[in-house]
Protein backbone atom coordinates (compact mmCIF):
# COMPACT_ATOMS: atom_id res chain seq x y z
CA UNK A 1 8.37 -9.22 -15.92
CA UNK A 2 9.29 -9.30 -12.34
CA UNK A 3 12.14 -7.27 -10.24
CA UNK A 4 12.54 -8.12 -6.41
CA UNK A 5 14.63 -5.85 -4.66
CA UNK A 6 15.52 -6.68 -0.91
CA UNK A 7 16.81 -4.09 1.65
CA UNK A 8 18.58 -5.97 4.54
CA UNK A 9 16.13 -4.81 8.46
CA UNK A 10 18.61 -3.43 10.87
CA UNK A 11 21.57 -4.02 8.65
CA UNK A 12 23.37 -0.88 10.67
CA UNK A 13 23.17 -2.74 14.37
CA UNK A 14 23.29 -7.19 12.40
CA UNK A 15 26.13 -9.14 9.76
CA UNK A 16 25.86 -8.67 6.98
CA UNK A 17 23.82 -11.24 5.00
CA UNK A 18 23.39 -10.51 1.50
CA UNK A 19 25.66 -13.15 0.46
CA UNK A 20 23.66 -15.90 2.96
CA UNK A 21 20.63 -15.19 0.95
CA UNK A 22 22.21 -14.98 -2.62
CA UNK A 23 23.39 -18.27 -2.10
CA UNK A 24 19.82 -19.39 -1.36
CA UNK A 25 18.39 -17.45 -4.12
CA UNK A 26 20.92 -19.25 -6.54
CA UNK A 27 19.08 -21.79 -8.01
CA UNK A 28 16.11 -19.46 -8.88
CA UNK A 29 15.25 -18.97 -12.69
CA UNK A 30 15.70 -15.84 -13.22
CA UNK A 31 16.65 -13.29 -16.30
CA UNK A 32 19.18 -11.25 -14.14
CA UNK A 33 20.81 -12.81 -11.50
CA UNK A 34 20.42 -12.00 -7.69
CA UNK A 35 23.19 -9.65 -6.82
CA UNK A 36 23.72 -6.75 -4.73
CA UNK A 37 23.72 -3.27 -5.62
CA UNK A 38 24.08 -1.07 -2.71
CA UNK A 39 24.68 -1.63 0.19
CA UNK A 40 23.02 -4.24 2.41
CA UNK A 41 20.65 -4.55 -0.94
CA UNK A 42 20.54 -6.97 -3.90
CA UNK A 43 17.91 -7.12 -6.81
CA UNK A 44 16.95 -9.44 -9.12
CA UNK A 45 15.35 -10.09 -12.08
CA UNK A 46 13.17 -12.44 -13.03
CA UNK A 47 10.14 -13.35 -16.38
CA UNK A 48 8.36 -16.44 -14.46
CA UNK A 49 5.96 -16.29 -11.72
CA UNK A 50 6.54 -19.10 -10.14
CA UNK A 51 10.50 -18.05 -9.67
CA UNK A 52 9.30 -14.69 -8.26
CA UNK A 53 6.70 -16.66 -5.84
CA UNK A 54 9.94 -18.91 -4.30
CA UNK A 55 11.86 -15.87 -4.14
CA UNK A 56 9.33 -14.73 -2.03
CA UNK A 57 9.58 -17.58 0.32
CA UNK A 58 12.62 -18.17 0.39
CA UNK A 59 13.26 -14.97 1.77
CA UNK A 60 10.81 -15.12 4.26
CA UNK A 61 12.06 -18.51 5.18
CA UNK A 62 15.11 -16.73 5.83
CA UNK A 63 13.50 -13.63 7.97
CA UNK A 64 15.17 -9.46 8.15
CA UNK A 65 14.07 -8.48 4.46
CA UNK A 66 13.04 -5.59 3.22
CA UNK A 67 11.17 -6.47 -0.12
CA UNK A 68 10.50 -4.28 -3.23
CA UNK A 69 8.78 -6.33 -6.14
CA UNK A 70 7.93 -4.18 -9.63
CA UNK A 71 5.94 -5.19 -11.80
CA UNK A 72 6.01 -4.48 -15.61
CA UNK A 73 8.70 -3.55 -18.51
CA UNK A 74 12.36 -3.58 -18.78
CA UNK A 75 14.65 -1.77 -20.65
CA UNK A 76 15.53 -4.58 -23.75
CA UNK A 77 17.91 -6.06 -24.78
CA UNK A 78 18.56 -6.51 -21.58
CA UNK A 79 21.62 -5.54 -19.47
CA UNK A 80 23.71 -8.43 -17.81
CA UNK A 81 22.84 -7.80 -14.62
CA UNK A 82 20.78 -6.40 -12.46
CA UNK A 83 22.62 -3.63 -11.18
CA UNK A 84 23.12 -2.24 -15.14
CA UNK A 85 19.34 -3.17 -16.35
CA UNK A 86 16.84 -0.32 -16.32
CA UNK A 87 13.34 0.51 -16.97
CA UNK A 88 10.26 0.96 -15.27
CA UNK A 89 9.58 -2.49 -13.40
CA UNK A 90 13.21 -1.25 -11.82
CA UNK A 91 12.03 2.07 -10.62
CA UNK A 92 8.60 0.53 -9.55
CA UNK A 93 11.03 -1.92 -7.61
CA UNK A 94 13.02 0.64 -6.20
CA UNK A 95 9.94 2.41 -5.04
CA UNK A 96 8.41 -1.15 -4.02
CA UNK A 97 11.51 -1.37 -1.82
CA UNK A 98 11.31 2.02 0.17
CA UNK A 99 7.51 1.58 0.63
CA UNK A 100 7.90 -1.35 2.86
CA UNK A 101 10.68 -0.35 4.86
CA UNK A 102 7.32 1.83 6.22
CA UNK A 103 4.77 -0.70 5.69
CA UNK A 104 6.30 -3.56 7.70
CA UNK A 105 5.73 -5.96 4.92
CA UNK A 106 6.50 -6.58 0.57
CA UNK A 107 5.27 -4.12 -1.29
CA UNK A 108 4.30 -4.15 -5.54
CA UNK A 109 4.67 -1.82 -7.76
CA UNK A 110 3.34 -1.62 -11.64
CA UNK A 111 5.33 0.66 -14.13
CA UNK A 112 3.35 3.83 -13.15
CA UNK A 113 4.81 3.37 -9.93
CA UNK A 114 0.70 2.57 -8.30
CA UNK A 115 -1.24 -0.14 -7.82
CA UNK A 116 -4.26 -1.93 -10.17
CA UNK A 117 -6.10 -4.43 -9.00
CA UNK A 118 -4.62 -7.70 -9.69
CA UNK A 119 -0.89 -5.81 -8.48
CA UNK A 120 -2.91 -4.81 -5.22
CA UNK A 121 -4.16 -8.57 -5.26
CA UNK A 122 -1.14 -10.25 -5.73
CA UNK A 123 0.47 -8.39 -2.78
CA UNK A 124 -2.74 -8.90 -0.36
CA UNK A 125 -2.50 -12.19 -1.01
CA UNK A 126 0.91 -12.40 -0.81
CA UNK A 127 1.12 -11.26 2.55
CA UNK A 128 -1.63 -13.58 4.40
CA UNK A 129 0.88 -16.17 2.87
CA UNK A 130 3.73 -14.72 4.34
CA UNK A 131 1.80 -14.24 7.68
CA UNK A 132 1.44 -17.51 7.63
CA UNK A 133 4.75 -18.71 6.79
CA UNK A 134 7.16 -16.34 9.47
CA UNK A 135 4.83 -18.20 12.10
CA UNK A 136 6.68 -20.74 10.97
CA UNK A 137 8.74 -23.54 13.15
CA UNK A 138 12.49 -24.88 11.63
CA UNK A 139 9.89 -28.76 11.69
CA UNK A 140 7.49 -27.25 9.80
CA UNK A 141 9.32 -26.17 7.11
CA UNK A 142 11.82 -28.86 6.97
CA UNK A 143 8.75 -31.35 6.55
CA UNK A 144 6.55 -28.78 4.67
CA UNK A 145 9.38 -28.69 1.74
CA UNK A 146 9.92 -32.51 1.92
CA UNK A 147 6.24 -32.78 1.18
CA UNK A 148 6.28 -30.56 -2.22
CA UNK A 149 7.92 -33.90 -3.39
CA UNK A 150 6.62 -37.20 -1.44
CA UNK A 151 3.97 -38.51 0.48
CA UNK A 152 3.11 -38.15 3.92
CA UNK A 153 4.33 -42.03 4.82
CA UNK A 154 7.57 -41.41 2.98
CA UNK A 155 8.78 -38.95 5.05
CA UNK A 156 7.17 -40.71 8.15
CA UNK A 157 9.67 -43.48 6.74
CA UNK A 158 12.70 -40.98 5.91
CA UNK A 159 12.17 -39.15 9.57
CA UNK A 160 11.37 -42.06 11.70
CA UNK A 161 7.96 -41.20 12.80
CA UNK A 162 4.37 -41.93 11.84
CA UNK A 163 2.36 -40.75 9.79
CA UNK A 164 0.22 -39.04 12.40
CA UNK A 165 3.22 -37.04 13.07
CA UNK A 166 3.49 -35.93 9.88
CA UNK A 167 0.28 -35.17 9.38
CA UNK A 168 0.19 -32.83 12.28
CA UNK A 169 3.62 -30.66 11.39
CA UNK A 170 2.14 -30.51 8.19
CA UNK A 171 -1.45 -28.83 9.55
CA UNK A 172 0.38 -26.72 11.55
CA UNK A 173 2.14 -25.78 9.21
CA UNK A 174 -0.65 -24.66 7.15
CA UNK A 175 0.98 -27.10 4.09
CA UNK A 176 -2.63 -27.75 2.06
CA UNK A 177 -3.70 -23.68 2.23
CA UNK A 178 0.27 -21.99 1.24
CA UNK A 179 -0.18 -24.41 -1.91
CA UNK A 180 -2.92 -23.30 -2.88
CA UNK A 181 -2.87 -20.16 -2.13
CA UNK A 182 0.81 -19.96 -4.16
CA UNK A 183 -1.10 -21.20 -7.31
CA UNK A 184 -3.09 -18.71 -6.61
CA UNK A 185 -0.75 -15.99 -6.44
CA UNK A 186 1.05 -17.22 -9.42
CA UNK A 187 -2.26 -16.69 -11.51
CA UNK A 188 -2.96 -13.54 -10.33
CA UNK A 189 1.26 -12.28 -11.23
CA UNK A 190 0.21 -13.89 -15.04
CA UNK A 191 -0.64 -10.42 -16.45
CA UNK A 192 3.24 -9.04 -15.70
CA UNK A 193 5.06 -13.39 -17.29
CA UNK A 194 7.02 -13.64 -20.15
CA UNK A 195 8.25 -16.80 -21.65
CA UNK A 196 10.49 -16.43 -24.64
CA UNK A 197 12.73 -13.22 -23.37
């Protein structure tokens, strides 16, 4: 399983952004929905690798979060809320988010609170993706989101621009590279995925 814990950066000098983040993540498939845990922090429990990666991408677009990911088991029967759940993956996520505050980027930790080769590879892949994603403009985010379900020609027609203009935006956004890296990251996270919970 996957536990994602996020802590708001500069929360003492910035408005509370937890409600906004929870709204952005409300449609992500979880076993325990994202919810505020303490202060400016929130947490969710997920069983699917693609849902975890979607959550990471969403938070990167939003910006301003320290992110820790715990990989491992959650005590069963699973509690109704992330706040009341327990288990090694939740403890690993707690350590990971604290480490992320020092590292400046997301940290992945396994249930023995270390990084296995697979988890470290997943973390490295994500950090490369996050570096690229963090440089995107709002326009690049918008067009890239459309390109996930429509052709360049269809997007160009909807946006009333040329297909060449759409191609330029997608190249600048590294849309193809991010799509390929996303698939690779999901594969790296497969050892912790659970389908039937």
